[in-house]
Amino acid sequence: MRINSLSDALGVEILGKAEFLNPGGSVKDRVALRMIEDAERMGFLRPHTGSRIFEGTVGSTGISIATIARARGYETTIIMPDDVAEEKVKALLSLGAEVQRVRPASIVDKKQFVNLAKQRASHFGQPDAIDASISEGPRAHLHRGLESPSHSMLVSTTANNVDFESNDWQNDEDFLSKPRGFFADQFENKSNFDAHFSGTGPEIWKQTNGQVDAFVSGAGTGGTVAGCGQYLKSVKEDIIVAISDPEGSGLYNKVKFGVLFDRKEAEGTKRRHQVDTVVEGIGINRLTHNMELGLPIVDDAFRITDAEAVAMSRFLVKNDGLFLGSSSACNVMACVKLVKKMGWEGSGNCVVTILCDSGTRHYSKFWSEEYLKKAGISVDLSLVEDLLRKTA
């Protein structure tokens, strides 16, 4: 969709791919579907066997997995930080997912939400599975070793004596009928990248009739910017691919200076363990496998402050009737900054971004005046209005 207010003000075409209109409400529907379909093709998952999908997520991927799992005959367990917006938790519970909320922690911590999801999957079917101190005990599991779109997915089974070294393990009768635990691992699973390289990227190219000059996206797992960016570069080499990065995330500095670090990390004033921002869903301080696939084709990065993201979200509601989530607001703000930096005003150039999810998942934080006030984040539309008026 064309974002009229910004396009008209800048004399360019700023287009947002309305991923919030997907059945599960976000861009992560594509990733969840591809991960589950790939797992089924490889024999890791089989519908209606009592199998359970485990994932660590800040919300949207979990909601998408839970949505698709219900349709395909799986149960879902989602491990997430305890500081994410309450709306996401309520959505997951409504979809019948088991939800465990844990304190935010670094990826090197065994109790970090992604690590716990993998642990839960590996101990599927055993008592006290979440206790990191339990012995692994007798279980069959597959971790790497077979040709697959991932180097990190894990499947465990309650079936006995399955020989995963056999070339015919997928057809073992006991394995086919017994429940399995599957760790999807959106951060490292290449199915994430593939969903966008074979789906979202080609759609953008087709829907713009090839008239796209820049692609802007935030990065959490990195799958969206890497997959879309790689495809778009393959059909138009001089297209600009840029990252929208919130405060506290290290990806901006990685792209600009080659160092994955943000100075806010040294200040000791973080509100969140992962990144110091009200924005959810993008921003990270480690390189995932999916992000590594995109780094060679990322041309630029734009730092978006909390105040800028909040201002853009309110500006879009006021002028376009677009009620968007925090990562979408970051993406759109980065589009404006890219146009100004390139001096494209009045050029008619086309910039495409991702409208990841709607504001309905962010009432308690990003769209809460009370929360923003406590966090010291102002609501100031002039941050956008002044930028639009400012000459390049």
Protein backbone atom coordinates (compact mmCIF):
# COMPACT_ATOMS: atom_id res chain seq x y z
CA MET A 1 0.00 0.00 0.00
CA ARG A 2 1.09 3.54 -0.70
CA ILE A 3 1.69 5.63 2.40
CA ASN A 4 0.15 8.79 1.01
CA SER A 5 1.18 11.36 3.62
CA LEU A 6 4.87 10.59 3.39
CA SER A 7 4.92 9.91 -0.35
CA ASP A 8 3.19 13.20 -1.15
CA ALA A 9 5.35 15.20 1.27
CA LEU A 10 8.60 13.81 -0.14
CA GLY A 11 7.71 13.41 -3.81
CA VAL A 12 8.56 9.70 -3.80
CA GLU A 13 6.65 6.44 -3.55
CA ILE A 14 6.88 4.93 -0.07
CA LEU A 15 5.13 1.58 -0.15
CA GLY A 16 4.41 -0.67 2.80
CA LYS A 17 3.84 -4.40 2.37
CA ALA A 18 0.84 -4.91 4.65
CA GLU A 19 1.94 -8.07 6.44
CA PHE A 20 -0.33 -7.24 9.38
CA LEU A 21 -3.19 -8.47 7.17
CA ASN A 22 -1.89 -12.05 7.15
CA PRO A 23 -4.12 -14.63 8.91
CA GLY A 24 -1.89 -14.71 11.99
CA GLY A 25 -1.53 -10.95 12.00
CA SER A 26 2.13 -10.48 11.11
CA VAL A 27 4.97 -11.07 8.67
CA LYS A 28 5.98 -14.08 10.77
CA ASP A 29 3.15 -16.15 9.25
CA ARG A 30 5.43 -16.71 6.27
CA VAL A 31 8.29 -17.93 8.44
CA ALA A 32 6.16 -20.18 10.62
CA LEU A 33 4.50 -21.83 7.62
CA ARG A 34 7.81 -22.43 5.84
CA MET A 35 9.50 -23.86 8.95
CA ILE A 36 6.62 -26.28 9.56
CA GLU A 37 6.32 -27.30 5.90
CA ASP A 38 10.07 -27.91 5.65
CA ALA A 39 10.01 -29.96 8.85
CA GLU A 40 7.18 -32.08 7.47
CA ARG A 41 9.02 -32.61 4.19
CA MET A 42 12.12 -33.80 6.06
CA GLY A 43 10.12 -36.15 8.21
CA PHE A 44 10.70 -34.22 11.43
CA LEU A 45 6.99 -33.51 11.96
CA ARG A 46 3.86 -35.50 11.22
CA PRO A 47 0.39 -34.01 11.76
CA HIS A 48 -2.08 -35.40 14.29
CA THR A 49 0.42 -37.51 16.23
CA GLY A 50 0.34 -35.49 19.44
CA SER A 51 3.55 -33.74 18.44
CA ARG A 52 4.51 -30.37 19.89
CA ILE A 53 6.38 -27.42 18.35
CA PHE A 54 8.65 -25.43 20.67
CA GLU A 55 9.89 -21.92 19.95
CA GLY A 56 11.56 -19.02 21.73
CA THR A 57 10.10 -15.69 20.60
CA VAL A 58 9.10 -12.20 21.71
CA GLY A 59 5.63 -12.89 20.38
CA SER A 60 4.75 -12.67 16.71
CA THR A 61 6.49 -15.84 15.54
CA GLY A 62 4.90 -17.71 18.41
CA ILE A 63 1.45 -16.47 17.45
CA SER A 64 2.04 -17.48 13.84
CA ILE A 65 3.30 -20.93 14.84
CA ALA A 66 0.35 -21.45 17.17
CA THR A 67 -2.07 -20.40 14.44
CA ILE A 68 -0.62 -22.77 11.83
CA ALA A 69 -0.08 -25.57 14.35
CA ARG A 70 -3.79 -25.57 15.16
CA ALA A 71 -4.58 -25.92 11.47
CA ARG A 72 -2.02 -28.71 10.96
CA GLY A 73 -2.64 -30.81 14.06
CA TYR A 74 0.17 -29.84 16.43
CA GLU A 75 0.45 -28.50 19.95
CA THR A 76 2.64 -25.50 20.71
CA THR A 77 4.90 -24.39 23.55
CA ILE A 78 6.19 -20.82 23.46
CA ILE A 79 8.96 -19.52 25.72
CA MET A 80 9.14 -15.72 25.85
CA PRO A 81 10.62 -12.89 27.94
CA ASP A 82 8.36 -11.66 30.71
CA ASP A 83 8.54 -8.02 29.58
CA VAL A 84 6.77 -8.34 26.23
CA ALA A 85 3.36 -6.75 25.63
CA GLU A 86 0.53 -8.58 27.38
CA GLU A 87 -1.56 -8.67 24.20
CA LYS A 88 0.82 -11.20 22.67
CA VAL A 89 0.53 -13.51 25.67
CA LYS A 90 -3.28 -13.31 25.55
CA ALA A 91 -3.28 -14.14 21.84
CA LEU A 92 -1.08 -17.19 22.39
CA LEU A 93 -3.23 -18.46 25.23
CA SER A 94 -6.37 -17.95 23.15
CA LEU A 95 -4.80 -20.09 20.43
CA GLY A 96 -4.27 -22.88 22.95
CA ALA A 97 -0.50 -22.52 23.21
CA GLU A 98 1.39 -23.33 26.37
CA VAL A 99 3.23 -20.15 27.35
CA GLN A 100 6.17 -19.86 29.69
CA ARG A 101 7.50 -16.40 30.50
CA VAL A 102 11.06 -16.08 31.73
CA ARG A 103 13.32 -13.24 32.75
CA PRO A 104 15.19 -11.55 29.89
CA ALA A 105 18.70 -12.95 29.59
CA SER A 106 21.68 -13.10 27.26
CA ILE A 107 21.88 -15.86 24.66
CA VAL A 108 24.86 -17.29 26.57
CA ASP A 109 22.55 -17.95 29.54
CA LYS A 110 21.07 -21.47 29.61
CA LYS A 111 17.81 -19.96 30.80
CA GLN A 112 17.52 -17.49 27.92
CA PHE A 113 14.15 -17.98 26.20
CA VAL A 114 15.50 -19.49 22.97
CA ASN A 115 17.80 -21.87 24.84
CA LEU A 116 14.96 -22.98 27.09
CA ALA A 117 12.76 -23.70 24.07
CA LYS A 118 15.45 -25.94 22.64
CA GLN A 119 15.88 -27.66 25.99
CA ARG A 120 12.15 -28.25 26.30
CA ALA A 121 12.05 -29.80 22.83
CA SER A 122 15.02 -32.05 23.54
CA HIS A 123 13.37 -33.37 26.71
CA PHE A 124 9.92 -33.76 25.19
CA GLY A 125 7.98 -36.57 26.84
CA GLN A 126 10.16 -36.65 29.94
CA PRO A 127 9.04 -35.42 33.38
CA ASP A 128 10.38 -32.12 34.71
CA ALA A 129 11.59 -31.20 31.23
CA ILE A 130 12.28 -27.56 32.04
CA ASP A 131 14.71 -28.39 34.83
CA ALA A 132 18.11 -27.80 33.28
CA SER A 133 19.73 -30.06 35.85
CA ILE A 134 18.00 -33.28 34.84
CA SER A 135 19.96 -35.96 33.09
CA GLU A 136 19.26 -36.39 29.44
CA GLY A 137 18.22 -39.99 29.93
CA PRO A 138 17.28 -42.39 27.12
CA ARG A 139 15.83 -40.51 24.20
CA ALA A 140 16.27 -40.41 20.47
CA HIS A 141 17.00 -37.01 18.97
CA LEU A 142 18.33 -35.55 15.78
CA HIS A 143 20.55 -32.51 15.91
CA ARG A 144 22.10 -31.68 12.57
CA GLY A 145 23.59 -34.45 10.50
CA LEU A 146 20.95 -34.65 7.77
CA GLU A 147 20.64 -32.44 4.72
CA SER A 148 18.13 -29.76 5.70
CA PRO A 149 17.51 -26.01 5.44
CA SER A 150 18.74 -25.65 9.01
CA HIS A 151 21.84 -26.43 10.99
CA SER A 152 20.11 -26.11 14.34
CA MET A 153 16.64 -27.68 14.29
CA LEU A 154 16.05 -30.46 16.77
CA VAL A 155 13.48 -33.24 16.95
CA SER A 156 12.97 -35.63 19.83
CA THR A 157 10.58 -38.55 20.00
CA THR A 158 8.91 -40.76 22.58
CA ALA A 159 9.44 -43.71 20.22
CA ASN A 160 11.99 -46.27 21.36
CA ASN A 161 15.00 -47.55 19.44
CA VAL A 162 14.75 -45.29 16.42
CA ASP A 163 18.00 -45.45 14.48
CA PHE A 164 18.57 -41.94 13.16
CA GLU A 165 21.75 -43.14 11.47
CA SER A 166 19.65 -45.28 9.15
CA ASN A 167 18.77 -43.99 5.70
CA ASP A 168 15.16 -45.04 6.31
CA TRP A 169 14.58 -43.60 9.78
CA GLN A 170 11.62 -41.47 8.57
CA ASN A 171 9.68 -44.65 7.79
CA ASP A 172 10.19 -46.34 11.15
CA GLU A 173 6.68 -47.38 12.19
CA ASP A 174 7.21 -46.52 15.84
CA PHE A 175 8.60 -43.11 14.92
CA LEU A 176 5.72 -42.40 12.52
CA SER A 177 3.05 -42.99 15.12
CA LYS A 178 4.59 -41.53 18.29
CA PRO A 179 4.53 -37.87 19.39
CA ARG A 180 7.59 -35.73 18.74
CA GLY A 181 9.02 -32.52 20.11
CA PHE A 182 10.30 -30.10 17.47
CA PHE A 183 12.42 -27.01 18.10
CA ALA A 184 11.79 -24.65 15.17
CA ASP A 185 14.60 -22.13 15.90
CA GLN A 186 13.56 -19.15 13.81
CA PHE A 187 16.84 -17.33 14.53
CA GLU A 188 19.10 -19.96 12.96
CA ASN A 189 16.70 -21.92 10.75
CA LYS A 190 17.34 -21.15 7.08
CA SER A 191 13.66 -21.80 6.35
CA ASN A 192 13.21 -18.26 7.70
CA PHE A 193 15.45 -16.83 4.97
CA ASP A 194 13.92 -19.10 2.33
CA ALA A 195 10.38 -17.94 3.12
CA HIS A 196 11.33 -14.41 2.14
CA PHE A 197 13.73 -15.24 -0.68
CA SER A 198 11.16 -17.38 -2.47
CA GLY A 199 8.02 -15.57 -1.31
CA THR A 200 8.11 -12.00 -0.01
CA GLY A 201 10.96 -10.79 -2.22
CA PRO A 202 9.45 -11.98 -5.52
CA GLU A 203 6.06 -10.58 -4.45
CA ILE A 204 7.59 -7.14 -3.87
CA TRP A 205 9.27 -7.25 -7.28
CA LYS A 206 6.07 -8.31 -9.03
CA GLN A 207 3.76 -5.95 -7.16
CA THR A 208 5.97 -2.93 -7.94
CA ASN A 209 6.45 -4.03 -11.57
CA GLY A 210 10.17 -4.00 -10.86
CA GLN A 211 10.05 -0.30 -10.03
CA VAL A 212 11.68 -0.51 -6.62
CA ASP A 213 14.81 1.48 -5.78
CA ALA A 214 15.26 0.65 -2.11
CA PHE A 215 14.12 -1.92 0.43
CA VAL A 216 14.06 -1.13 4.15
CA SER A 217 13.49 -3.60 6.98
CA GLY A 218 14.24 -4.07 10.63
CA ALA A 219 16.12 -7.17 11.72
CA GLY A 220 15.62 -9.48 14.68
CA THR A 221 16.24 -12.94 13.31
CA GLY A 222 17.42 -11.24 10.09
CA GLY A 223 15.35 -13.46 7.82
CA THR A 224 13.23 -10.71 6.29
CA VAL A 225 15.99 -8.30 5.33
CA ALA A 226 18.29 -11.13 4.22
CA GLY A 227 15.76 -13.09 2.18
CA CYS A 228 14.02 -10.13 0.55
CA GLY A 229 17.28 -8.25 0.09
CA GLN A 230 19.09 -11.16 -1.53
CA TYR A 231 16.25 -11.75 -3.97
CA LEU A 232 15.84 -8.09 -4.90
CA LYS A 233 19.59 -7.68 -5.41
CA SER A 234 19.52 -10.74 -7.69
CA VAL A 235 17.07 -9.04 -10.05
CA LYS A 236 18.28 -5.45 -9.65
CA GLU A 237 21.87 -5.15 -8.56
CA ASP A 238 21.82 -1.42 -7.72
CA ILE A 239 18.81 -1.60 -5.39
CA ILE A 240 19.58 -0.21 -1.93
CA VAL A 241 18.96 -2.53 1.02
CA ALA A 242 18.89 -0.83 4.41
CA ILE A 243 18.26 -1.85 8.02
CA SER A 244 16.03 -0.03 10.47
CA ASP A 245 17.59 -0.53 13.91
CA PRO A 246 16.19 0.52 17.30
CA GLU A 247 18.12 1.88 20.25
CA GLY A 248 20.46 -0.54 21.99
CA SER A 249 20.72 -2.92 19.04
CA GLY A 250 24.17 -3.64 17.62
CA LEU A 251 23.20 -4.17 13.98
CA TYR A 252 23.46 -0.48 13.07
CA ASN A 253 27.11 -0.40 14.12
CA LYS A 254 27.74 -3.78 12.48
CA VAL A 255 26.59 -2.44 9.12
CA LYS A 256 28.21 0.99 9.47
CA PHE A 257 31.44 0.12 11.25
CA GLY A 258 31.78 -3.66 11.24
CA VAL A 259 31.45 -3.93 15.03
CA LEU A 260 28.45 -5.62 16.67
CA PHE A 261 28.16 -3.35 19.70
CA ASP A 262 26.08 -0.41 20.83
CA ARG A 263 27.43 2.16 23.27
CA LYS A 264 24.21 2.01 25.27
CA GLU A 265 25.31 -1.47 26.31
CA ALA A 266 28.06 0.12 28.39
CA GLU A 267 25.87 2.62 30.16
CA GLY A 268 24.08 0.23 32.51
CA THR A 269 20.73 1.96 32.12
CA LYS A 270 18.88 -0.57 29.99
CA ARG A 271 15.16 -1.08 30.48
CA ARG A 272 15.37 -4.41 28.65
CA HIS A 273 18.13 -6.99 28.73
CA GLN A 274 18.16 -7.57 24.99
CA VAL A 275 18.01 -4.03 23.67
CA ASP A 276 17.26 -0.73 25.35
CA THR A 277 14.07 0.12 23.47
CA VAL A 278 10.29 0.12 23.66
CA VAL A 279 10.30 -1.47 20.21
CA GLU A 280 9.57 -5.21 20.08
CA GLY A 281 10.43 -7.70 17.36
CA ILE A 282 13.56 -6.10 15.92
CA GLY A 283 16.98 -5.29 17.30
CA ILE A 284 19.57 -7.78 18.50
CA ASN A 285 23.15 -7.92 19.73
CA ARG A 286 24.32 -11.12 18.10
CA LEU A 287 24.67 -12.39 14.56
CA THR A 288 22.17 -15.09 13.65
CA HIS A 289 22.67 -17.48 10.76
CA ASN A 290 19.88 -15.72 8.86
CA MET A 291 21.43 -12.29 9.42
CA GLU A 292 24.81 -13.55 8.24
CA LEU A 293 23.16 -14.46 4.93
CA GLY A 294 22.08 -10.85 4.53
CA LEU A 295 25.10 -8.87 5.67
CA PRO A 296 26.91 -8.96 2.29
CA ILE A 297 23.99 -7.21 0.56
CA VAL A 298 23.02 -4.66 3.23
CA ASP A 299 24.09 -1.21 2.05
CA ASP A 300 23.06 1.04 4.92
CA ALA A 301 21.49 1.22 8.36
CA PHE A 302 19.44 3.84 10.17
CA ARG A 303 19.23 4.25 13.92
CA ILE A 304 15.66 4.95 15.04
CA THR A 305 15.07 6.30 18.54
CA ASP A 306 12.10 5.32 20.66
CA ALA A 307 10.74 8.86 20.39
CA GLU A 308 11.02 8.77 16.58
CA ALA A 309 9.23 5.42 16.37
CA VAL A 310 6.44 6.63 18.65
CA ALA A 311 6.12 9.88 16.70
CA MET A 312 5.89 8.06 13.36
CA SER A 313 3.23 5.69 14.64
CA ARG A 314 1.04 8.58 15.79
CA PHE A 315 1.71 10.53 12.59
CA LEU A 316 0.54 7.61 10.45
CA VAL A 317 -2.66 7.21 12.47
CA LYS A 318 -3.39 10.92 12.21
CA ASN A 319 -2.66 11.29 8.50
CA ASP A 320 -3.20 7.85 6.95
CA GLY A 321 -5.40 5.90 9.35
CA LEU A 322 -2.63 3.32 9.68
CA PHE A 323 -2.53 1.76 13.16
CA LEU A 324 0.82 -0.01 13.26
CA GLY A 325 3.12 -1.74 15.71
CA SER A 326 6.50 -0.56 16.88
CA SER A 327 8.72 -2.31 14.33
CA SER A 328 6.54 -1.06 11.47
CA ALA A 329 6.92 2.51 12.74
CA CYS A 330 10.70 2.06 12.87
CA ASN A 331 10.73 0.78 9.31
CA VAL A 332 8.71 3.69 7.96
CA MET A 333 10.85 6.23 9.82
CA ALA A 334 13.94 4.67 8.26
CA CYS A 335 12.35 5.04 4.81
CA VAL A 336 12.04 8.79 5.36
CA LYS A 337 15.62 9.03 6.58
CA LEU A 338 16.87 7.09 3.56
CA VAL A 339 15.00 9.38 1.14
CA LYS A 340 16.46 12.46 2.86
CA LYS A 341 19.98 11.01 2.91
CA MET A 342 19.87 10.08 -0.79
CA GLY A 343 18.43 13.45 -1.79
CA TRP A 344 15.53 11.71 -3.53
CA GLU A 345 12.87 14.34 -2.73
CA GLY A 346 10.75 14.93 -5.82
CA SER A 347 12.44 12.10 -7.71
CA GLY A 348 9.52 9.68 -7.77
CA ASN A 349 11.84 6.90 -6.58
CA CYS A 350 10.20 3.91 -4.92
CA VAL A 351 11.06 2.72 -1.41
CA VAL A 352 9.42 -0.45 -0.08
CA THR A 353 9.24 -1.52 3.54
CA ILE A 354 7.48 -4.10 5.71
CA LEU A 355 4.47 -3.22 7.87
CA CYS A 356 5.12 -6.10 10.24
CA ASP A 357 2.10 -6.06 12.55
CA SER A 358 -0.67 -3.77 13.77
CA GLY A 359 -0.90 -1.70 16.90
CA THR A 360 -3.38 -4.13 18.43
CA ARG A 361 -0.46 -6.18 19.81
CA HIS A 362 1.05 -3.15 21.51
CA TYR A 363 -1.69 -1.50 23.59
CA SER A 364 0.05 -2.11 26.91
CA LYS A 365 3.45 -0.73 25.92
CA PHE A 366 4.12 1.06 22.63
CA TRP A 367 0.56 2.43 22.43
CA SER A 368 0.21 3.10 26.17
CA GLU A 369 0.65 6.75 27.12
CA GLU A 370 1.11 5.68 30.74
CA TYR A 371 3.88 3.22 29.89
CA LEU A 372 5.67 5.74 27.67
CA LYS A 373 5.50 8.40 30.36
CA LYS A 374 7.04 6.07 32.94
CA ALA A 375 9.76 5.17 30.45
CA GLY A 376 10.46 8.85 29.77
CA ILE A 377 9.51 8.63 26.09
CA SER A 378 7.77 11.68 24.68
CA VAL A 379 4.99 11.70 22.08
CA ASP A 380 6.12 14.46 19.73
CA LEU A 381 4.82 14.44 16.15
CA SER A 382 7.10 17.34 15.28
CA LEU A 383 9.95 14.82 15.06
CA VAL A 384 8.34 13.56 11.86
CA GLU A 385 6.89 16.85 10.65
CA ASP A 386 10.21 18.69 10.99
CA LEU A 387 12.05 15.89 9.17
CA LEU A 388 9.62 16.05 6.27
CA ARG A 389 10.07 19.83 5.98
CA LYS A 390 13.84 19.74 6.38
CA THR A 391 15.81 20.06 3.15
CA ALA A 392 18.31 17.36 2.33
